[in-house]
Amino acid sequence: MMTPKLWLFVLLAPVAAACTHAQAKATPEMPPLEMPSPPPRDFQPTEVEAPQPVPLATEPARNPPERLRPAAPAAKPDAPKAEPPKVETPPPTEPPRVVDEPKPLTTLQTTPANAEGDVERGIRASLQRATTDLNRIDYRILNADARTQYDMAKRFVRQAEENIRTKNLLLAKTVAEKAATIAAQLAGR
């Protein structure tokens, strides 16, 4: 059996050995790095001598061109002046404006009309799966994150039904698939 002094010696021996060997190694004194001197700077003068004003060019005198109209024959004093015949033009009348009634908006169909029923049946099947899965879940035992996902799946179901009513089948399909995916994950499938 060991005595307390021997125990103390056994425990402190490695510590004492470590202290005797651990010494900070001094790095040789290095002279500081010499910084090169900055290159000489060439300064360009910023003041530019203003150019001397140039006098305006004199404009040549304007002489209107001679009219090249044939000389009018001299009127006979005995002949009365003939007046040109007056042509009466009726004032322009505007046609009555017909107000077009706004046409009802047409829906853009990305699904062919003959395949529309098949797509809608597929969407309704996804909604049915999502609703069935959501009805099997007890909302009270869900944690906060799971409740958020549950509420989101319910909103997706409502949005898909609304998009089916407005015949936006592409968006309805996307939203219904999201609702079915979230509901399946919450139900533990």
C-alpha atoms as a PDB file:
ATOM      1  CA  MET A   1       0.000   0.000   0.000  1.00  0.00           C
ATOM      2  CA  MET A   2       1.260   3.410  -0.885  1.00  0.00           C
ATOM      3  CA  THR A   3       1.501   6.271   1.453  1.00  0.00           C
ATOM      4  CA  PRO A   4       0.005   9.641   0.775  1.00  0.00           C
ATOM      5  CA  LYS A   5       3.426  11.157   0.131  1.00  0.00           C
ATOM      6  CA  LEU A   6       4.209   8.479  -2.400  1.00  0.00           C
ATOM      7  CA  TRP A   7       0.865   9.127  -4.132  1.00  0.00           C
ATOM      8  CA  LEU A   8       1.638  12.802  -4.238  1.00  0.00           C
ATOM      9  CA  PHE A   9       5.057  12.081  -5.756  1.00  0.00           C
ATOM     10  CA  VAL A  10       3.559   9.745  -8.381  1.00  0.00           C
ATOM     11  CA  LEU A  11       0.941  12.288  -9.376  1.00  0.00           C
ATOM     12  CA  LEU A  12       3.243  15.292  -9.488  1.00  0.00           C
ATOM     13  CA  ALA A  13       6.186  13.585 -11.217  1.00  0.00           C
ATOM     14  CA  PRO A  14       4.812  13.946 -14.754  1.00  0.00           C
ATOM     15  CA  VAL A  15       3.871  17.565 -14.092  1.00  0.00           C
ATOM     16  CA  ALA A  16       7.352  18.356 -12.799  1.00  0.00           C
ATOM     17  CA  ALA A  17       8.932  16.601 -15.773  1.00  0.00           C
ATOM     18  CA  ALA A  18       6.793  18.572 -18.184  1.00  0.00           C
ATOM     19  CA  CYS A  19       7.772  21.843 -16.577  1.00  0.00           C
ATOM     20  CA  THR A  20      11.462  21.122 -16.858  1.00  0.00           C
ATOM     21  CA  HIS A  21      11.278  20.432 -20.572  1.00  0.00           C
ATOM     22  CA  ALA A  22       8.808  23.093 -21.645  1.00  0.00           C
ATOM     23  CA  GLN A  23      10.736  26.211 -22.369  1.00  0.00           C
ATOM     24  CA  ALA A  24       9.831  28.942 -24.761  1.00  0.00           C
ATOM     25  CA  LYS A  25      12.204  28.950 -27.647  1.00  0.00           C
ATOM     26  CA  ALA A  26      13.455  32.389 -28.432  1.00  0.00           C
ATOM     27  CA  THR A  27      13.608  33.273 -32.060  1.00  0.00           C
ATOM     28  CA  PRO A  28      16.743  34.973 -33.212  1.00  0.00           C
ATOM     29  CA  GLU A  29      16.442  38.711 -33.242  1.00  0.00           C
ATOM     30  CA  MET A  30      15.473  39.698 -36.761  1.00  0.00           C
ATOM     31  CA  PRO A  31      15.997  43.167 -38.011  1.00  0.00           C
ATOM     32  CA  PRO A  32      12.801  44.953 -39.017  1.00  0.00           C
ATOM     33  CA  LEU A  33      11.835  44.754 -42.660  1.00  0.00           C
ATOM     34  CA  GLU A  34      13.057  47.619 -44.725  1.00  0.00           C
ATOM     35  CA  MET A  35      10.299  49.457 -46.474  1.00  0.00           C
ATOM     36  CA  PRO A  36      11.141  50.652 -49.967  1.00  0.00           C
ATOM     37  CA  SER A  37      10.818  54.339 -50.509  1.00  0.00           C
ATOM     38  CA  PRO A  38       7.706  55.407 -52.423  1.00  0.00           C
ATOM     39  CA  PRO A  39       8.175  56.063 -56.131  1.00  0.00           C
ATOM     40  CA  PRO A  40       8.491  59.657 -57.184  1.00  0.00           C
ATOM     41  CA  ARG A  41       5.228  61.157 -58.231  1.00  0.00           C
ATOM     42  CA  ASP A  42       4.774  62.996 -61.468  1.00  0.00           C
ATOM     43  CA  PHE A  43       2.353  65.823 -61.028  1.00  0.00           C
ATOM     44  CA  GLN A  44       0.623  67.128 -64.107  1.00  0.00           C
ATOM     45  CA  PRO A  45      -0.403  70.768 -64.032  1.00  0.00           C
ATOM     46  CA  THR A  46      -4.146  71.021 -63.702  1.00  0.00           C
ATOM     47  CA  GLU A  47      -4.397  74.609 -64.827  1.00  0.00           C
ATOM     48  CA  VAL A  48      -4.879  74.809 -68.543  1.00  0.00           C
ATOM     49  CA  GLU A  49      -4.492  78.071 -70.325  1.00  0.00           C
ATOM     50  CA  ALA A  50      -7.852  79.285 -71.542  1.00  0.00           C
ATOM     51  CA  PRO A  51      -8.036  79.636 -75.336  1.00  0.00           C
ATOM     52  CA  GLN A  52      -8.318  83.115 -76.753  1.00  0.00           C
ATOM     53  CA  PRO A  53     -11.841  84.062 -77.781  1.00  0.00           C
ATOM     54  CA  VAL A  54     -12.458  83.781 -81.479  1.00  0.00           C
ATOM     55  CA  PRO A  55     -14.458  86.558 -83.118  1.00  0.00           C
ATOM     56  CA  LEU A  56     -17.732  85.543 -84.673  1.00  0.00           C
ATOM     57  CA  ALA A  57     -17.728  84.963 -88.370  1.00  0.00           C
ATOM     58  CA  THR A  58     -19.489  87.648 -90.327  1.00  0.00           C
ATOM     59  CA  GLU A  59     -22.641  86.431 -91.893  1.00  0.00           C
ATOM     60  CA  PRO A  60     -23.091  87.137 -95.565  1.00  0.00           C
ATOM     61  CA  ALA A  61     -25.893  89.501 -96.464  1.00  0.00           C
ATOM     62  CA  ARG A  62     -29.126  87.770 -97.176  1.00  0.00           C
ATOM     63  CA  ASN A  63     -30.536  88.453-100.558  1.00  0.00           C
ATOM     64  CA  PRO A  64     -33.865  86.849-101.134  1.00  0.00           C
ATOM     65  CA  PRO A  65     -33.904  84.809-104.334  1.00  0.00           C
ATOM     66  CA  GLU A  66     -35.744  86.271-107.232  1.00  0.00           C
ATOM     67  CA  ARG A  67     -39.125  84.788-107.809  1.00  0.00           C
ATOM     68  CA  LEU A  68     -39.343  82.899-110.970  1.00  0.00           C
ATOM     69  CA  ARG A  69     -42.990  83.578-111.576  1.00  0.00           C
ATOM     70  CA  PRO A  70     -44.154  84.492-115.022  1.00  0.00           C
ATOM     71  CA  ALA A  71     -45.379  87.977-115.236  1.00  0.00           C
ATOM     72  CA  ALA A  72     -49.122  88.237-114.986  1.00  0.00           C
ATOM     73  CA  PRO A  73     -50.758  89.582-118.113  1.00  0.00           C
ATOM     74  CA  ALA A  74     -52.078  93.037-117.734  1.00  0.00           C
ATOM     75  CA  ALA A  75     -55.746  93.020-116.884  1.00  0.00           C
ATOM     76  CA  LYS A  76     -58.091  94.701-119.261  1.00  0.00           C
ATOM     77  CA  PRO A  77     -59.950  97.512-117.661  1.00  0.00           C
ATOM     78  CA  ASP A  78     -63.198  96.710-119.481  1.00  0.00           C
ATOM     79  CA  ALA A  79     -63.441  93.080-118.372  1.00  0.00           C
ATOM     80  CA  PRO A  80     -65.137  92.434-115.099  1.00  0.00           C
ATOM     81  CA  LYS A  81     -63.332  90.181-112.675  1.00  0.00           C
ATOM     82  CA  ALA A  82     -64.503  86.661-112.782  1.00  0.00           C
ATOM     83  CA  GLU A  83     -65.066  85.174-109.398  1.00  0.00           C
ATOM     84  CA  PRO A  84     -64.095  81.592-108.913  1.00  0.00           C
ATOM     85  CA  PRO A  85     -67.064  79.345-108.303  1.00  0.00           C
ATOM     86  CA  LYS A  86     -67.682  78.624-104.625  1.00  0.00           C
ATOM     87  CA  VAL A  87     -67.684  75.042-103.645  1.00  0.00           C
ATOM     88  CA  GLU A  88     -69.387  74.423-100.399  1.00  0.00           C
ATOM     89  CA  THR A  89     -68.039  71.575 -98.370  1.00  0.00           C
ATOM     90  CA  PRO A  90     -70.170  70.337 -95.560  1.00  0.00           C
ATOM     91  CA  PRO A  91     -68.481  70.418 -92.167  1.00  0.00           C
ATOM     92  CA  PRO A  92     -67.060  67.049 -91.237  1.00  0.00           C
ATOM     93  CA  THR A  93     -69.380  65.126 -89.026  1.00  0.00           C
ATOM     94  CA  GLU A  94     -68.105  62.566 -86.611  1.00  0.00           C
ATOM     95  CA  PRO A  95     -69.791  59.219 -86.713  1.00  0.00           C
ATOM     96  CA  PRO A  96     -71.571  58.437 -83.473  1.00  0.00           C
ATOM     97  CA  ARG A  97     -69.307  56.584 -81.116  1.00  0.00           C
ATOM     98  CA  VAL A  98     -70.422  53.141 -80.213  1.00  0.00           C
ATOM     99  CA  VAL A  99     -69.283  52.130 -76.775  1.00  0.00           C
ATOM    100  CA  ASP A 100     -68.179  48.543 -76.835  1.00  0.00           C
ATOM    101  CA  GLU A 101     -69.245  46.592 -73.844  1.00  0.00           C
ATOM    102  CA  PRO A 102     -66.278  44.926 -72.168  1.00  0.00           C
ATOM    103  CA  LYS A 103     -65.972  41.338 -73.193  1.00  0.00           C
ATOM    104  CA  PRO A 104     -65.845  38.796 -70.411  1.00  0.00           C
ATOM    105  CA  LEU A 105     -62.337  37.625 -69.665  1.00  0.00           C
ATOM    106  CA  THR A 106     -61.441  34.356 -71.223  1.00  0.00           C
ATOM    107  CA  THR A 107     -59.414  31.853 -69.296  1.00  0.00           C
ATOM    108  CA  LEU A 108     -56.134  30.660 -70.631  1.00  0.00           C
ATOM    109  CA  GLN A 109     -56.219  26.906 -70.868  1.00  0.00           C
ATOM    110  CA  THR A 110     -52.952  25.054 -70.701  1.00  0.00           C
ATOM    111  CA  THR A 111     -54.717  21.721 -70.669  1.00  0.00           C
ATOM    112  CA  PRO A 112     -56.485  20.467 -73.775  1.00  0.00           C
ATOM    113  CA  ALA A 113     -60.254  20.527 -73.394  1.00  0.00           C
ATOM    114  CA  ASN A 114     -60.578  16.764 -73.925  1.00  0.00           C
ATOM    115  CA  ALA A 115     -58.016  15.997 -71.174  1.00  0.00           C
ATOM    116  CA  GLU A 116     -59.453  18.506 -68.706  1.00  0.00           C
ATOM    117  CA  GLY A 117     -61.710  15.925 -67.054  1.00  0.00           C
ATOM    118  CA  ASP A 118     -58.829  13.502 -66.483  1.00  0.00           C
ATOM    119  CA  VAL A 119     -56.664  16.216 -64.939  1.00  0.00           C
ATOM    120  CA  GLU A 120     -59.488  17.359 -62.676  1.00  0.00           C
ATOM    121  CA  ARG A 121     -60.108  13.752 -61.506  1.00  0.00           C
ATOM    122  CA  GLY A 122     -56.404  13.426 -60.662  1.00  0.00           C
ATOM    123  CA  ILE A 123     -56.489  16.674 -58.692  1.00  0.00           C
ATOM    124  CA  ARG A 124     -59.589  15.579 -56.789  1.00  0.00           C
ATOM    125  CA  ALA A 125     -57.886  12.250 -55.952  1.00  0.00           C
ATOM    126  CA  SER A 126     -54.872  14.132 -54.522  1.00  0.00           C
ATOM    127  CA  LEU A 127     -57.218  16.346 -52.508  1.00  0.00           C
ATOM    128  CA  GLN A 128     -59.098  13.311 -51.204  1.00  0.00           C
ATOM    129  CA  ARG A 129     -55.830  11.666 -50.065  1.00  0.00           C
ATOM    130  CA  ALA A 130     -54.721  14.893 -48.363  1.00  0.00           C
ATOM    131  CA  THR A 131     -58.067  15.351 -46.623  1.00  0.00           C
ATOM    132  CA  THR A 132     -58.133  11.721 -45.438  1.00  0.00           C
ATOM    133  CA  ASP A 133     -54.607  11.998 -44.031  1.00  0.00           C
ATOM    134  CA  LEU A 134     -55.360  15.314 -42.338  1.00  0.00           C
ATOM    135  CA  ASN A 135     -58.550  13.907 -40.753  1.00  0.00           C
ATOM    136  CA  ARG A 136     -56.557  11.044 -39.182  1.00  0.00           C
ATOM    137  CA  ILE A 137     -54.214  13.489 -37.396  1.00  0.00           C
ATOM    138  CA  ASP A 138     -55.019  14.700 -33.872  1.00  0.00           C
ATOM    139  CA  TYR A 139     -54.254  18.416 -34.030  1.00  0.00           C
ATOM    140  CA  ARG A 140     -54.037  18.734 -30.220  1.00  0.00           C
ATOM    141  CA  ILE A 141     -50.972  16.508 -29.873  1.00  0.00           C
ATOM    142  CA  LEU A 142     -48.950  18.211 -32.611  1.00  0.00           C
ATOM    143  CA  ASN A 143     -46.012  20.456 -31.705  1.00  0.00           C
ATOM    144  CA  ALA A 144     -45.801  24.034 -33.019  1.00  0.00           C
ATOM    145  CA  ASP A 145     -43.943  23.140 -36.243  1.00  0.00           C
ATOM    146  CA  ALA A 146     -46.286  20.272 -37.042  1.00  0.00           C
ATOM    147  CA  ARG A 147     -49.318  22.518 -36.423  1.00  0.00           C
ATOM    148  CA  THR A 148     -47.894  25.057 -38.863  1.00  0.00           C
ATOM    149  CA  GLN A 149     -47.482  22.313 -41.473  1.00  0.00           C
ATOM    150  CA  TYR A 150     -51.027  21.040 -40.776  1.00  0.00           C
ATOM    151  CA  ASP A 151     -52.483  24.537 -41.244  1.00  0.00           C
ATOM    152  CA  MET A 152     -50.471  24.989 -44.439  1.00  0.00           C
ATOM    153  CA  ALA A 153     -51.800  21.706 -45.844  1.00  0.00           C
ATOM    154  CA  LYS A 154     -55.371  22.819 -45.058  1.00  0.00           C
ATOM    155  CA  ARG A 155     -54.747  26.132 -46.869  1.00  0.00           C
ATOM    156  CA  PHE A 156     -53.348  24.269 -49.863  1.00  0.00           C
ATOM    157  CA  VAL A 157     -56.506  22.131 -50.006  1.00  0.00           C
ATOM    158  CA  ARG A 158     -58.695  25.273 -49.998  1.00  0.00           C
ATOM    159  CA  GLN A 159     -56.534  26.940 -52.657  1.00  0.00           C
ATOM    160  CA  ALA A 160     -56.687  23.871 -54.881  1.00  0.00           C
ATOM    161  CA  GLU A 161     -60.490  23.753 -54.628  1.00  0.00           C
ATOM    162  CA  GLU A 162     -60.693  27.469 -55.462  1.00  0.00           C
ATOM    163  CA  ASN A 163     -58.411  26.990 -58.479  1.00  0.00           C
ATOM    164  CA  ILE A 164     -60.559  24.083 -59.708  1.00  0.00           C
ATOM    165  CA  ARG A 165     -63.596  26.383 -59.591  1.00  0.00           C
ATOM    166  CA  THR A 166     -61.760  29.024 -61.636  1.00  0.00           C
ATOM    167  CA  LYS A 167     -60.466  26.331 -64.027  1.00  0.00           C
ATOM    168  CA  ASN A 168     -56.809  27.058 -63.246  1.00  0.00           C
ATOM    169  CA  LEU A 169     -55.992  23.367 -63.315  1.00  0.00           C
ATOM    170  CA  LEU A 170     -52.219  23.733 -63.510  1.00  0.00           C
ATOM    171  CA  LEU A 171     -52.028  25.665 -60.244  1.00  0.00           C
ATOM    172  CA  ALA A 172     -54.716  23.484 -58.661  1.00  0.00           C
ATOM    173  CA  LYS A 173     -52.690  20.366 -59.462  1.00  0.00           C
ATOM    174  CA  THR A 174     -49.491  21.837 -58.003  1.00  0.00           C
ATOM    175  CA  VAL A 175     -51.164  22.998 -54.798  1.00  0.00           C
ATOM    176  CA  ALA A 176     -53.102  19.726 -54.370  1.00  0.00           C
ATOM    177  CA  GLU A 177     -49.890  17.695 -54.710  1.00  0.00           C
ATOM    178  CA  LYS A 178     -48.199  19.878 -52.078  1.00  0.00           C
ATOM    179  CA  ALA A 179     -51.136  19.391 -49.716  1.00  0.00           C
ATOM    180  CA  ALA A 180     -51.067  15.609 -50.239  1.00  0.00           C
ATOM    181  CA  THR A 181     -47.300  15.471 -49.633  1.00  0.00           C
ATOM    182  CA  ILE A 182     -47.458  17.469 -46.396  1.00  0.00           C
ATOM    183  CA  ALA A 183     -50.476  15.515 -45.131  1.00  0.00           C
ATOM    184  CA  ALA A 184     -48.754  12.194 -45.860  1.00  0.00           C
ATOM    185  CA  GLN A 185     -45.648  13.269 -43.959  1.00  0.00           C
ATOM    186  CA  LEU A 186     -47.704  14.428 -40.985  1.00  0.00           C
ATOM    187  CA  ALA A 187     -49.715  11.195 -40.941  1.00  0.00           C
ATOM    188  CA  GLY A 188     -46.461   9.240 -40.774  1.00  0.00           C
ATOM    189  CA  ARG A 189     -46.629   7.399 -44.032  1.00  0.00           C
END
